[in-house]
Amino acid sequence: MSPDSLTIADSETFFVDIAETRLECVRHAPPRDGAHGGDATGGDTTGGDSAARPTIVMLHEGLGSVAMWKDFPAALATESGHPVLVYSRHGYGRSSRLAAPFGTDYMHREALETLPALLDRLGIESPILFGHSDGASIALIHAGGAGRAVAGLILEAPHVFVEDLTITSIEQAKTAFQTTDLVTKLGRYHDDADSSFRGWNDIWLHPEFRAWNIEEFLPQVVAPVLAIQGADDEYGTLDQLDAIERGATGRVEKLVLETCKHSPHRDRREAVLKAADDFLKAL
């Protein structure tokens, strides 16, 4: 079924072909209570008495997928009244499997090629980008380099440069993948869990990736930013948020959550939902 033929529903799953890649997509409509609504292609139309609300486009972490978000996107749509689009990147979830290893520019290509093409296909203009980890980095590159309007950015555990802590934790993840049932657990969320893991893990541990840095994009980030990180994040320090605050041109709010690791929307779900809703209301 093509996105153009979808009818309004609380959630719809569909696939979009971009170049030679098929991407798994799910759109969540806000509750149809007369106040919120939307068109099922992911466009920025709303019904009822409310003004048009931009679509929130969610960009998953390095081992994430549509399924890995679980019910958080639906909760975000309900809480905020915004339509929410979630998709699995190439090599993840039910999207096309990787035919070749990632290069060190894989996040740049996602942000500057695939994401713009997907937004165009679905008629989404001026989205709010909600990114987690790799997805947060992709959101920053898109906002700072794609030459397209972005209404706002919500960033969980973003990376703008590579830290020793990050590499150490990714090495530990590789050991866990080789010695535990991690591949079986990931199989719940990916058609090819082995390829999904190695695609992410291998490139982050490649010696050339140590020079990866996206701070050059920050001065062109003019949209408001909400940057969220767990105080106990095992994949990055608060230096990442400080770099965004220094470099971005737009307003930057920082939220550091105690008793929280690398996935704030899982570890501190209600706090993230409230912070996101407050941020969205202020846009």
Protein backbone atom coordinates (compact mmCIF):
# COMPACT_ATOMS: atom_id res chain seq x y z
CA MET A 1 0.00 0.00 0.00
CA SER A 2 1.44 3.38 -0.92
CA PRO A 3 1.52 6.17 1.71
CA ASP A 4 -0.80 8.26 -0.48
CA SER A 5 -3.57 5.66 -0.15
CA LEU A 6 -3.49 5.40 3.64
CA THR A 7 -6.47 6.47 5.71
CA ILE A 8 -6.25 8.21 9.04
CA ALA A 9 -5.64 5.78 11.88
CA ASP A 10 -4.04 5.75 15.31
CA SER A 11 -1.07 4.03 13.70
CA GLU A 12 -0.22 2.78 10.20
CA THR A 13 2.70 0.65 9.06
CA PHE A 14 3.92 1.00 5.49
CA PHE A 15 7.09 0.81 3.39
CA VAL A 16 8.69 3.52 1.28
CA ASP A 17 11.24 2.88 -1.46
CA ILE A 18 14.12 5.35 -1.55
CA ALA A 19 16.53 4.63 -4.39
CA GLU A 20 17.05 0.86 -4.07
CA THR A 21 16.24 0.69 -0.37
CA ARG A 22 12.89 -0.20 1.19
CA LEU A 23 12.32 1.57 4.51
CA GLU A 24 9.93 0.37 7.21
CA CYS A 25 7.76 3.25 8.44
CA VAL A 26 5.09 3.71 11.09
CA ARG A 27 3.00 6.81 11.51
CA HIS A 28 1.18 7.54 14.76
CA ALA A 29 -1.72 9.99 14.66
CA PRO A 30 -2.62 11.91 17.81
CA PRO A 31 -5.97 11.05 19.41
CA ARG A 32 -8.91 11.99 17.19
CA ASP A 33 -10.88 13.76 19.89
CA GLY A 34 -11.73 16.85 17.89
CA ALA A 35 -8.55 18.58 19.00
CA HIS A 36 -5.95 16.64 17.09
CA GLY A 37 -5.79 14.86 13.78
CA GLY A 38 -3.69 14.56 10.66
CA ASP A 39 -3.25 13.07 7.24
CA ALA A 40 -1.89 9.55 7.17
CA THR A 41 0.85 10.30 4.66
CA GLY A 42 2.75 12.08 7.43
CA GLY A 43 1.97 15.54 6.06
CA ASP A 44 1.43 18.53 8.26
CA THR A 45 -2.35 18.81 8.21
CA THR A 46 -4.42 18.64 11.36
CA GLY A 47 -8.11 18.59 12.01
CA GLY A 48 -10.43 19.86 14.71
CA ASP A 49 -9.90 23.29 16.26
CA SER A 50 -6.11 23.03 16.70
CA ALA A 51 -3.55 24.82 14.55
CA ALA A 52 -1.36 22.73 12.26
CA ARG A 53 1.30 20.85 14.19
CA PRO A 54 4.59 19.80 12.57
CA THR A 55 5.32 16.10 12.28
CA ILE A 56 7.82 14.66 14.76
CA VAL A 57 10.25 12.42 12.87
CA MET A 58 12.02 9.94 15.13
CA LEU A 59 15.56 8.78 14.31
CA HIS A 60 16.73 5.69 16.16
CA GLU A 61 20.01 4.75 17.82
CA GLY A 62 22.80 2.68 16.29
CA LEU A 63 21.11 -0.63 17.15
CA GLY A 64 17.56 0.72 17.03
CA SER A 65 14.55 0.23 14.77
CA VAL A 66 10.85 0.98 14.65
CA ALA A 67 10.19 -1.90 17.04
CA MET A 68 12.98 -0.91 19.41
CA TRP A 69 11.13 2.35 20.26
CA LYS A 70 8.26 0.13 21.54
CA ASP A 71 5.24 2.29 22.49
CA PHE A 72 7.15 5.51 23.13
CA PRO A 73 6.28 7.15 19.75
CA ALA A 74 2.56 6.50 20.30
CA ALA A 75 2.83 7.95 23.80
CA LEU A 76 4.61 11.01 22.40
CA ALA A 77 1.86 11.54 19.82
CA THR A 78 -0.78 11.25 22.54
CA GLU A 79 1.05 13.54 24.95
CA SER A 80 1.95 16.26 22.44
CA GLY A 81 -0.86 16.17 19.89
CA HIS A 82 1.71 16.02 17.10
CA PRO A 83 1.72 13.33 14.40
CA VAL A 84 4.79 11.11 14.76
CA LEU A 85 6.68 9.29 12.02
CA VAL A 86 9.13 6.52 12.90
CA TYR A 87 11.27 4.60 10.41
CA SER A 88 13.97 1.94 10.44
CA ARG A 89 17.12 2.96 8.63
CA HIS A 90 18.72 0.81 5.93
CA GLY A 91 20.02 -2.35 7.59
CA TYR A 92 17.70 -2.21 10.61
CA GLY A 93 14.30 -3.51 11.61
CA ARG A 94 12.31 -4.70 8.62
CA SER A 95 14.00 -2.31 6.19
CA SER A 96 16.28 -3.59 3.41
CA ARG A 97 19.30 -5.48 4.65
CA LEU A 98 22.80 -4.07 4.21
CA ALA A 99 24.48 -5.12 0.98
CA ALA A 100 27.83 -3.58 1.97
CA PRO A 101 29.47 -2.32 5.17
CA PHE A 102 28.87 1.24 6.34
CA GLY A 103 31.50 3.88 5.58
CA THR A 104 32.61 6.50 8.09
CA ASP A 105 30.16 8.90 6.40
CA TYR A 106 27.07 6.73 6.99
CA MET A 107 25.37 9.26 9.26
CA HIS A 108 26.12 12.09 6.83
CA ARG A 109 24.56 10.13 3.98
CA GLU A 110 21.48 9.35 6.05
CA ALA A 111 21.07 12.99 7.07
CA LEU A 112 21.80 14.61 3.71
CA GLU A 113 20.45 12.04 1.22
CA THR A 114 18.02 9.47 2.64
CA LEU A 115 16.18 11.62 5.18
CA PRO A 116 15.49 14.50 2.74
CA ALA A 117 14.23 12.02 0.15
CA LEU A 118 11.92 10.37 2.70
CA LEU A 119 10.55 13.72 3.89
CA ASP A 120 9.89 14.76 0.29
CA ARG A 121 8.14 11.48 -0.48
CA LEU A 122 5.83 11.86 2.52
CA GLY A 123 5.22 15.59 2.09
CA ILE A 124 6.68 16.49 5.48
CA GLU A 125 7.88 20.09 5.73
CA SER A 126 9.67 21.70 8.69
CA PRO A 127 9.66 18.57 10.88
CA ILE A 128 10.65 18.31 14.50
CA LEU A 129 13.51 15.81 14.61
CA PHE A 130 13.66 13.53 17.66
CA GLY A 131 16.92 11.62 17.55
CA HIS A 132 18.54 9.13 19.90
CA SER A 133 22.33 8.55 19.89
CA ASP A 134 23.28 8.01 16.20
CA GLY A 135 19.82 9.36 15.37
CA ALA A 136 20.54 12.55 17.31
CA SER A 137 23.76 13.01 15.35
CA ILE A 138 21.85 12.50 12.10
CA ALA A 139 19.33 15.12 13.23
CA LEU A 140 22.13 17.65 13.84
CA ILE A 141 23.79 16.98 10.48
CA HIS A 142 20.43 17.35 8.71
CA ALA A 143 19.55 20.56 10.56
CA GLY A 144 22.99 22.04 9.93
CA GLY A 145 23.73 20.80 6.43
CA ALA A 146 20.66 19.85 4.42
CA GLY A 147 19.54 23.40 3.69
CA ARG A 148 15.97 22.59 4.80
CA ALA A 149 13.78 24.12 7.47
CA VAL A 150 13.56 22.25 10.77
CA ALA A 151 11.09 23.38 13.41
CA GLY A 152 13.05 21.99 16.36
CA LEU A 153 15.34 19.21 17.56
CA ILE A 154 14.96 16.89 20.54
CA LEU A 155 18.25 15.06 21.02
CA GLU A 156 18.81 12.13 23.36
CA ALA A 157 22.42 11.16 24.09
CA PRO A 158 23.80 12.91 20.99
CA HIS A 159 27.33 12.37 19.65
CA VAL A 160 29.20 15.22 17.98
CA PHE A 161 32.68 13.72 18.35
CA VAL A 162 34.16 10.38 19.41
CA GLU A 163 35.14 9.84 23.04
CA ASP A 164 37.25 7.11 24.65
CA LEU A 165 34.28 6.18 26.84
CA THR A 166 32.15 5.57 23.74
CA ILE A 167 34.72 3.27 22.15
CA THR A 168 35.24 1.33 25.38
CA SER A 169 31.50 0.66 25.71
CA ILE A 170 31.19 -0.34 22.05
CA GLU A 171 34.08 -2.78 22.52
CA GLN A 172 32.23 -4.23 25.51
CA ALA A 173 29.09 -4.55 23.38
CA LYS A 174 31.11 -6.53 20.83
CA THR A 175 32.27 -8.92 23.55
CA ALA A 176 28.69 -9.34 24.77
CA PHE A 177 27.54 -10.04 21.22
CA GLN A 178 30.19 -12.74 20.83
CA THR A 179 29.71 -14.40 24.23
CA THR A 180 26.03 -14.01 25.20
CA ASP A 181 22.58 -14.37 23.66
CA LEU A 182 22.54 -10.72 22.57
CA VAL A 183 22.01 -11.68 18.92
CA THR A 184 18.86 -13.58 19.89
CA LYS A 185 17.53 -10.61 21.83
CA LEU A 186 18.26 -8.25 18.91
CA GLY A 187 16.45 -10.68 16.63
CA ARG A 188 13.17 -9.47 18.13
CA TYR A 189 13.78 -6.07 16.53
CA HIS A 190 15.71 -6.79 13.30
CA ASP A 191 15.24 -9.15 10.36
CA ASP A 192 19.02 -9.71 10.29
CA ALA A 193 20.32 -9.03 13.79
CA ASP A 194 23.87 -10.15 13.01
CA SER A 195 24.20 -7.71 10.11
CA SER A 196 22.52 -4.90 12.05
CA PHE A 197 24.92 -5.27 14.96
CA ARG A 198 28.06 -5.61 12.86
CA GLY A 199 27.10 -2.69 10.63
CA TRP A 200 27.06 -0.39 13.66
CA ASN A 201 29.80 -1.99 15.74
CA ASP A 202 32.39 -2.50 13.01
CA ILE A 203 32.39 1.09 11.76
CA TRP A 204 32.47 2.67 15.22
CA LEU A 205 35.50 0.50 16.06
CA HIS A 206 37.26 1.20 12.76
CA PRO A 207 40.46 3.23 13.36
CA GLU A 208 39.40 5.86 10.81
CA PHE A 209 36.22 6.57 12.74
CA ARG A 210 38.17 8.10 15.64
CA ALA A 211 38.40 11.30 13.59
CA TRP A 212 34.62 11.50 13.08
CA ASN A 213 33.36 14.93 14.17
CA ILE A 214 30.25 16.94 13.23
CA GLU A 215 30.90 20.17 15.13
CA GLU A 216 31.22 21.97 11.77
CA PHE A 217 27.44 21.64 11.33
CA LEU A 218 26.51 23.22 14.66
CA PRO A 219 26.71 26.93 13.69
CA GLN A 220 24.06 26.28 11.02
CA VAL A 221 21.68 24.72 13.56
CA VAL A 222 19.31 27.66 14.07
CA ALA A 223 16.22 25.77 15.28
CA PRO A 224 15.63 25.42 19.04
CA VAL A 225 17.27 22.35 20.60
CA LEU A 226 16.35 20.24 23.63
CA ALA A 227 19.39 18.10 24.47
CA ILE A 228 18.79 15.26 26.95
CA GLN A 229 21.37 12.97 28.51
CA GLY A 230 21.50 10.52 31.37
CA ALA A 231 23.96 11.32 34.13
CA ASP A 232 25.09 7.70 33.97
CA ASP A 233 25.33 7.45 30.16
CA GLU A 234 27.87 4.72 29.40
CA TYR A 235 28.34 5.87 25.78
CA GLY A 236 29.16 9.55 26.20
CA THR A 237 29.93 12.36 28.62
CA LEU A 238 28.22 15.70 29.14
CA ASP A 239 30.96 17.24 26.99
CA GLN A 240 28.72 16.34 24.04
CA LEU A 241 25.88 18.57 25.31
CA ASP A 242 28.32 21.35 26.17
CA ALA A 243 29.70 21.28 22.62
CA ILE A 244 26.19 21.61 21.17
CA GLU A 245 25.40 24.49 23.53
CA ARG A 246 28.60 26.30 22.48
CA GLY A 247 28.28 25.61 18.77
CA ALA A 248 24.60 25.85 17.86
CA THR A 249 23.20 29.22 16.83
CA GLY A 250 19.67 28.51 18.04
CA ARG A 251 18.46 28.27 21.62
CA VAL A 252 19.74 25.16 23.43
CA GLU A 253 18.08 23.67 26.51
CA LYS A 254 20.00 20.98 28.36
CA LEU A 255 18.38 18.34 30.53
CA VAL A 256 20.57 15.95 32.52
CA LEU A 257 18.59 13.13 34.14
CA GLU A 258 19.79 11.33 37.24
CA THR A 259 19.47 7.53 37.50
CA CYS A 260 19.57 7.36 33.73
CA LYS A 261 21.91 5.70 31.24
CA HIS A 262 22.09 5.90 27.44
CA SER A 263 18.36 5.59 26.71
CA PRO A 264 16.48 8.35 28.56
CA HIS A 265 13.14 7.50 26.92
CA ARG A 266 13.38 4.05 28.50
CA ASP A 267 15.13 4.85 31.79
CA ARG A 268 13.20 8.07 32.55
CA ARG A 269 10.19 7.80 30.25
CA GLU A 270 7.81 10.20 32.03
CA ALA A 271 10.49 12.85 32.50
CA VAL A 272 11.36 12.73 28.79
CA LEU A 273 7.71 12.89 27.73
CA LYS A 274 7.08 15.91 29.95
CA ALA A 275 10.27 17.70 28.84
CA ALA A 276 9.46 17.03 25.19
CA ASP A 277 5.87 18.26 25.60
CA ASP A 278 7.01 21.45 27.36
CA PHE A 279 9.59 22.07 24.63
CA LEU A 280 7.05 21.51 21.85
CA LYS A 281 4.53 23.87 23.45
CA ALA A 282 7.18 26.60 23.53
CA LEU A 283 8.00 26.33 19.82
